[in-house]
Amino acid sequence: MNKTITGLGQASYDYIAITDSYPPEDTKQEILEWTECGGGPVATALVSLSRLGVKTRFMGRVSNDRSGRLIRAGLRHEGVDTRGLKTLKGGKSQTAFIVVSQKTGGKRTIFWQRPTVAPLGPDEISAAKIKTSDMLLLDGLMKEASIRAACTAKEAGVPVVFDAGTVRDGTLELLGLSDYIVASEKFARSFAGGPKKALKKFRSFNPKAATVTLGAKGSVTSAGGGTFATPAFKVAAVDTTGAGDVFHGGYIYGLISGFDIRRTVEFASAFAALKCLKPGGRDGIPTLGETLKLMKDGKKR
């Protein structure tokens, strides 16, 4: 596909432990499986797009520690352009320790540490790369850089997708600059008290579409003056780590492929569901053929 997606946001290095159940405090728990890989909302969304044949570019910040080196190497291995991933020496890159419980169908608990290096600054954003992109993905973590990037994209007519995972300083500005909003249920509850109320508030920002993801309950979307629900696909989930990030990748793929919004959300849902069949945020990212097959033959909840 002759499309280019640029993403600005978090990149993490994840350590993932799969257990038969989540342990109570002050106990020992045997791990059934251990894995480690790159993570982060925008980074993993770009990896998922790269696997679908889309050209991707990442902008973010790491340090020169082990995690930073592994983050960069993992993205390069996936074909993501990392020239916008800046290194600031002498600090710690973002890391996460994730405990996945098989008892609860792959639900996970995330312990994460922010990078100790300064966030990417607005002057470190490549306007040329944004202007030559077909879409820009933001998670809003680096406020000033994100707003600069979104403004640059809007001026150039490049659609902006906002991965709204957490309400932060600058969120309202980014919502107003976004063409597509894809929010977590946690964000919706914090922002407006629930998914339906959040969609109503999102409409005041005039996006082309807004979706709230609800995990195993699917998602709800507002577009074209109406609202519709999309059920989740039934899969034997092993690990839900990265499912939301992969959903964003699938959502963008649908948009740049010319799918209507209903098919876009359904594609993203199937794409994310299949990811959950394997541990880690990236190992389970499916192929295009596997995703289309689930859409055709799979069962929904």
Protein backbone atom coordinates (compact mmCIF):
# COMPACT_ATOMS: atom_id res chain seq x y z
CA MET A 1 0.00 0.00 0.00
CA ASN A 2 1.45 3.35 -1.04
CA LYS A 3 0.57 5.19 2.16
CA THR A 4 2.69 6.69 4.94
CA ILE A 5 1.62 7.02 8.57
CA THR A 6 3.57 9.09 11.06
CA GLY A 7 3.15 8.53 14.78
CA LEU A 8 4.29 10.62 17.74
CA GLY A 9 4.12 9.26 21.26
CA GLN A 10 5.16 6.56 23.65
CA ALA A 11 7.59 3.75 23.04
CA SER A 12 8.25 1.27 25.82
CA TYR A 13 10.12 -1.93 26.49
CA ASP A 14 7.81 -4.49 28.09
CA TYR A 15 8.51 -7.45 30.36
CA ILE A 16 5.48 -9.75 30.42
CA ALA A 17 4.76 -12.55 32.90
CA ILE A 18 1.85 -14.92 32.25
CA THR A 19 0.38 -16.60 35.32
CA ASP A 20 -2.62 -18.82 35.98
CA SER A 21 -4.12 -16.08 38.18
CA TYR A 22 -3.16 -12.69 39.55
CA PRO A 23 -1.30 -13.13 42.86
CA PRO A 24 -2.40 -11.52 46.13
CA GLU A 25 0.05 -9.33 48.02
CA ASP A 26 2.94 -10.86 49.98
CA THR A 27 2.87 -14.20 48.12
CA LYS A 28 4.97 -16.02 45.56
CA GLN A 29 3.62 -16.91 42.14
CA GLU A 30 5.10 -19.25 39.56
CA ILE A 31 5.22 -17.80 36.06
CA LEU A 32 3.86 -19.99 33.27
CA GLU A 33 5.51 -18.03 30.47
CA TRP A 34 7.84 -15.06 30.21
CA THR A 35 8.34 -12.77 27.26
CA GLU A 36 9.76 -9.35 26.52
CA CYS A 37 9.29 -7.05 23.55
CA GLY A 38 8.83 -3.46 22.49
CA GLY A 39 5.58 -1.77 23.42
CA GLY A 40 3.84 1.57 23.73
CA PRO A 41 0.54 2.70 22.15
CA VAL A 42 1.80 4.61 19.12
CA ALA A 43 4.86 2.41 18.58
CA THR A 44 2.83 -0.81 18.53
CA ALA A 45 0.12 0.70 16.33
CA LEU A 46 2.83 1.58 13.81
CA VAL A 47 4.31 -1.92 13.99
CA SER A 48 0.87 -3.37 13.22
CA LEU A 49 0.52 -1.06 10.21
CA SER A 50 4.00 -1.91 9.00
CA ARG A 51 3.08 -5.60 9.03
CA LEU A 52 0.13 -4.76 6.79
CA GLY A 53 2.47 -3.19 4.25
CA VAL A 54 2.06 0.46 5.25
CA LYS A 55 5.07 2.76 5.41
CA THR A 56 5.46 4.09 8.96
CA ARG A 57 7.53 6.71 10.79
CA PHE A 58 7.92 7.09 14.55
CA MET A 59 8.75 10.21 16.54
CA GLY A 60 9.58 9.92 20.22
CA ARG A 61 12.28 9.86 22.87
CA VAL A 62 14.48 7.18 24.40
CA SER A 63 17.77 7.16 26.27
CA ASN A 64 20.90 5.16 25.49
CA ASP A 65 20.15 2.46 28.09
CA ARG A 66 19.37 -1.17 27.31
CA SER A 67 15.63 -0.52 27.00
CA GLY A 68 16.19 2.38 24.63
CA ARG A 69 18.45 0.33 22.40
CA LEU A 70 15.97 -2.54 22.32
CA ILE A 71 13.05 -0.20 21.58
CA ARG A 72 14.86 1.25 18.59
CA ALA A 73 16.08 -2.13 17.34
CA GLY A 74 12.60 -3.63 17.61
CA LEU A 75 11.02 -0.84 15.58
CA ARG A 76 13.73 -1.01 12.92
CA HIS A 77 13.28 -4.77 12.70
CA GLU A 78 9.60 -4.17 11.92
CA GLY A 79 10.40 -1.69 9.17
CA VAL A 80 9.41 1.43 11.11
CA ASP A 81 11.44 4.54 10.23
CA THR A 82 13.10 5.57 13.52
CA ARG A 83 14.93 8.69 12.37
CA GLY A 84 12.43 10.73 14.41
CA LEU A 85 13.17 8.67 17.56
CA LYS A 86 15.61 10.89 19.40
CA THR A 87 18.12 9.64 21.98
CA LEU A 88 19.04 11.65 25.05
CA LYS A 89 21.95 10.01 26.85
CA GLY A 90 22.31 9.28 30.55
CA GLY A 91 18.72 8.46 31.49
CA LYS A 92 16.18 5.65 31.53
CA SER A 93 13.77 4.83 28.73
CA GLN A 94 10.16 3.90 29.40
CA THR A 95 9.71 0.35 30.68
CA ALA A 96 6.80 -1.75 31.85
CA PHE A 97 6.26 -4.94 33.81
CA ILE A 98 3.00 -6.63 32.88
CA VAL A 99 1.27 -9.49 34.70
CA VAL A 100 -1.23 -11.44 32.58
CA SER A 101 -3.80 -13.70 34.21
CA GLN A 102 -5.05 -16.75 32.30
CA LYS A 103 -7.88 -17.10 34.80
CA THR A 104 -9.44 -13.87 33.56
CA GLY A 105 -9.03 -14.51 29.83
CA GLY A 106 -5.74 -12.73 29.35
CA LYS A 107 -6.52 -9.55 31.27
CA ARG A 108 -3.39 -7.76 32.39
CA THR A 109 -2.09 -5.44 35.07
CA ILE A 110 0.57 -2.97 33.97
CA PHE A 111 3.29 -1.48 36.13
CA TRP A 112 5.17 1.15 34.16
CA GLN A 113 7.86 3.76 34.63
CA ARG A 114 8.02 7.02 32.75
CA PRO A 115 11.27 7.82 30.95
CA THR A 116 13.61 9.97 33.01
CA VAL A 117 14.76 11.92 29.97
CA ALA A 118 12.94 15.06 28.82
CA PRO A 119 10.06 14.56 26.38
CA LEU A 120 10.43 15.37 22.73
CA GLY A 121 10.18 19.13 22.24
CA PRO A 122 8.12 20.90 19.57
CA ASP A 123 11.29 22.08 17.82
CA GLU A 124 12.36 18.45 17.38
CA ILE A 125 9.29 17.64 15.29
CA SER A 126 9.90 17.19 11.57
CA ALA A 127 7.24 19.28 9.85
CA ALA A 128 8.32 17.89 6.48
CA LYS A 129 7.61 14.31 7.56
CA ILE A 130 4.20 15.22 8.91
CA LYS A 131 3.24 17.17 5.79
CA THR A 132 4.19 14.24 3.55
CA SER A 133 2.17 11.73 5.59
CA ASP A 134 -1.26 10.35 4.81
CA MET A 135 -2.24 10.38 8.49
CA LEU A 136 -0.81 11.38 11.88
CA LEU A 137 -1.31 9.31 15.05
CA LEU A 138 -0.89 10.91 18.48
CA ASP A 139 -1.31 9.70 22.06
CA GLY A 140 -0.94 13.13 23.66
CA LEU A 141 1.72 12.15 26.21
CA MET A 142 4.17 14.81 25.04
CA LYS A 143 1.84 17.80 25.12
CA GLU A 144 3.80 20.55 23.37
CA ALA A 145 5.22 18.31 20.67
CA SER A 146 1.81 16.70 20.07
CA ILE A 147 0.03 20.03 19.69
CA ARG A 148 2.72 21.31 17.34
CA ALA A 149 2.48 18.13 15.28
CA ALA A 150 -1.33 18.26 15.17
CA CYS A 151 -1.32 21.93 14.09
CA THR A 152 1.21 21.17 11.37
CA ALA A 153 -0.92 18.29 10.13
CA LYS A 154 -4.10 20.37 10.10
CA GLU A 155 -2.40 23.14 8.13
CA ALA A 156 -1.22 20.59 5.57
CA GLY A 157 -4.59 18.81 5.34
CA VAL A 158 -3.24 15.62 6.94
CA PRO A 159 -5.90 13.81 9.04
CA VAL A 160 -5.12 13.44 12.75
CA VAL A 161 -6.03 10.34 14.79
CA PHE A 162 -5.99 10.78 18.56
CA ASP A 163 -5.40 7.70 20.74
CA ALA A 164 -7.16 8.99 23.85
CA GLY A 165 -6.04 6.66 26.61
CA THR A 166 -5.67 9.01 29.57
CA VAL A 167 -7.00 12.51 30.26
CA ARG A 168 -3.96 14.79 30.44
CA ASP A 169 -3.02 18.43 30.25
CA GLY A 170 -3.56 19.42 26.63
CA THR A 171 -6.27 16.83 25.96
CA LEU A 172 -8.94 19.39 25.08
CA GLU A 173 -6.67 21.09 22.56
CA LEU A 174 -5.81 17.79 20.91
CA LEU A 175 -9.45 16.74 20.75
CA GLY A 176 -10.17 19.96 18.88
CA LEU A 177 -7.37 19.23 16.41
CA SER A 178 -8.36 15.61 15.75
CA ASP A 179 -10.26 14.24 12.78
CA TYR A 180 -10.69 10.81 14.40
CA ILE A 181 -10.87 10.08 18.13
CA VAL A 182 -10.40 6.54 19.43
CA ALA A 183 -10.73 6.52 23.21
CA SER A 184 -10.49 3.84 25.87
CA GLU A 185 -13.38 3.17 28.23
CA LYS A 186 -11.16 4.47 31.05
CA PHE A 187 -10.71 7.76 29.19
CA ALA A 188 -14.45 8.02 28.51
CA ARG A 189 -15.34 7.55 32.17
CA SER A 190 -12.73 10.01 33.38
CA PHE A 191 -13.55 12.58 30.70
CA ALA A 192 -17.34 12.46 30.72
CA GLY A 193 -18.63 9.79 33.11
CA GLY A 194 -19.10 7.03 30.54
CA PRO A 195 -18.93 6.06 26.85
CA LYS A 196 -22.25 7.55 25.74
CA LYS A 197 -21.59 10.85 27.47
CA ALA A 198 -18.06 10.90 26.07
CA LEU A 199 -19.31 10.42 22.50
CA LYS A 200 -21.73 13.29 23.01
CA LYS A 201 -18.90 15.54 24.20
CA PHE A 202 -16.64 14.38 21.38
CA ARG A 203 -19.25 15.52 18.85
CA SER A 204 -18.77 19.11 20.04
CA PHE A 205 -15.23 18.95 18.63
CA ASN A 206 -16.61 18.01 15.17
CA PRO A 207 -14.47 14.94 14.40
CA LYS A 208 -15.30 12.84 11.36
CA ALA A 209 -15.76 9.88 13.72
CA ALA A 210 -15.23 9.02 17.38
CA THR A 211 -15.00 5.53 18.87
CA VAL A 212 -14.84 4.31 22.46
CA THR A 213 -13.36 0.83 22.89
CA LEU A 214 -14.91 -1.40 25.55
CA GLY A 215 -12.66 -4.47 25.58
CA ALA A 216 -14.64 -7.71 25.42
CA LYS A 217 -17.82 -5.65 25.07
CA GLY A 218 -16.70 -4.29 21.70
CA SER A 219 -16.97 -0.59 20.96
CA VAL A 220 -19.38 2.28 20.30
CA THR A 221 -18.89 4.82 17.54
CA SER A 222 -20.36 8.19 16.64
CA ALA A 223 -20.20 9.24 12.99
CA GLY A 224 -22.36 10.97 10.43
CA GLY A 225 -24.90 12.11 12.99
CA GLY A 226 -25.56 8.62 14.30
CA THR A 227 -24.17 6.12 16.80
CA PHE A 228 -23.59 2.38 16.40
CA ALA A 229 -22.18 -0.46 18.48
CA THR A 230 -19.70 -3.05 17.21
CA PRO A 231 -19.54 -6.34 19.14
CA ALA A 232 -16.16 -7.89 19.90
CA PHE A 233 -15.13 -11.11 18.16
CA LYS A 234 -15.02 -14.27 20.26
CA VAL A 235 -11.49 -15.60 20.63
CA ALA A 236 -9.67 -17.70 23.23
CA ALA A 237 -7.62 -14.78 24.53
CA VAL A 238 -4.20 -15.52 26.03
CA ASP A 239 -3.00 -11.95 26.57
CA THR A 240 -4.80 -8.66 25.92
CA THR A 241 -1.59 -6.61 26.16
CA GLY A 242 -1.41 -4.27 23.18
CA ALA A 243 -4.92 -5.04 21.94
CA GLY A 244 -5.93 -1.38 22.07
CA ASP A 245 -2.75 -0.33 20.27
CA VAL A 246 -3.36 -2.89 17.52
CA PHE A 247 -6.98 -1.71 17.33
CA HIS A 248 -5.67 1.77 16.52
CA GLY A 249 -3.45 0.34 13.81
CA GLY A 250 -6.39 -1.53 12.32
CA TYR A 251 -8.58 1.55 12.53
CA ILE A 252 -6.06 3.60 10.58
CA TYR A 253 -5.63 0.81 8.04
CA GLY A 254 -9.37 0.79 7.44
CA LEU A 255 -9.47 4.55 6.97
CA ILE A 256 -6.58 4.69 4.49
CA SER A 257 -7.99 1.67 2.63
CA GLY A 258 -11.23 3.53 1.95
CA PHE A 259 -13.45 1.37 4.19
CA ASP A 260 -16.61 3.03 5.47
CA ILE A 261 -16.58 3.70 9.20
CA ARG A 262 -18.57 0.58 10.13
CA ARG A 263 -16.21 -1.71 8.24
CA THR A 264 -13.23 0.22 9.61
CA VAL A 265 -14.29 -0.44 13.19
CA GLU A 266 -15.12 -4.07 12.44
CA PHE A 267 -11.69 -4.56 10.85
CA ALA A 268 -9.96 -2.96 13.84
CA SER A 269 -11.96 -5.18 16.19
CA ALA A 270 -11.00 -8.38 14.35
CA PHE A 271 -7.38 -7.26 14.05
CA ALA A 272 -7.14 -6.61 17.79
CA ALA A 273 -8.97 -9.80 18.76
CA LEU A 274 -6.52 -12.01 16.87
CA LYS A 275 -3.57 -10.28 18.53
CA CYS A 276 -4.84 -11.62 21.87
CA LEU A 277 -4.15 -15.23 20.83
CA LYS A 278 -0.44 -14.87 21.63
CA PRO A 279 1.51 -13.34 24.54
CA GLY A 280 2.97 -9.87 24.25
CA GLY A 281 1.84 -6.80 22.41
CA ARG A 282 3.27 -7.72 19.01
CA ASP A 283 3.82 -11.47 18.48
CA GLY A 284 0.13 -12.04 17.82
CA ILE A 285 -0.43 -9.23 15.30
CA PRO A 286 -2.29 -11.03 12.50
CA THR A 287 -1.98 -10.85 8.74
CA LEU A 288 -4.49 -9.11 6.52
CA GLY A 289 -5.80 -12.47 5.32
CA GLU A 290 -6.31 -13.78 8.86
CA THR A 291 -8.17 -10.63 9.82
CA LEU A 292 -10.49 -10.71 6.81
CA LYS A 293 -11.19 -14.39 7.45
CA LEU A 294 -12.24 -13.69 11.03
CA MET A 295 -14.50 -10.90 9.80
CA LYS A 296 -16.13 -13.33 7.38
CA ASP A 297 -16.31 -16.50 9.49
CA GLY A 298 -15.79 -15.43 13.11
CA LYS A 299 -18.39 -15.22 15.82
CA LYS A 300 -19.16 -12.09 17.78
CA ARG A 301 -20.04 -11.79 21.43
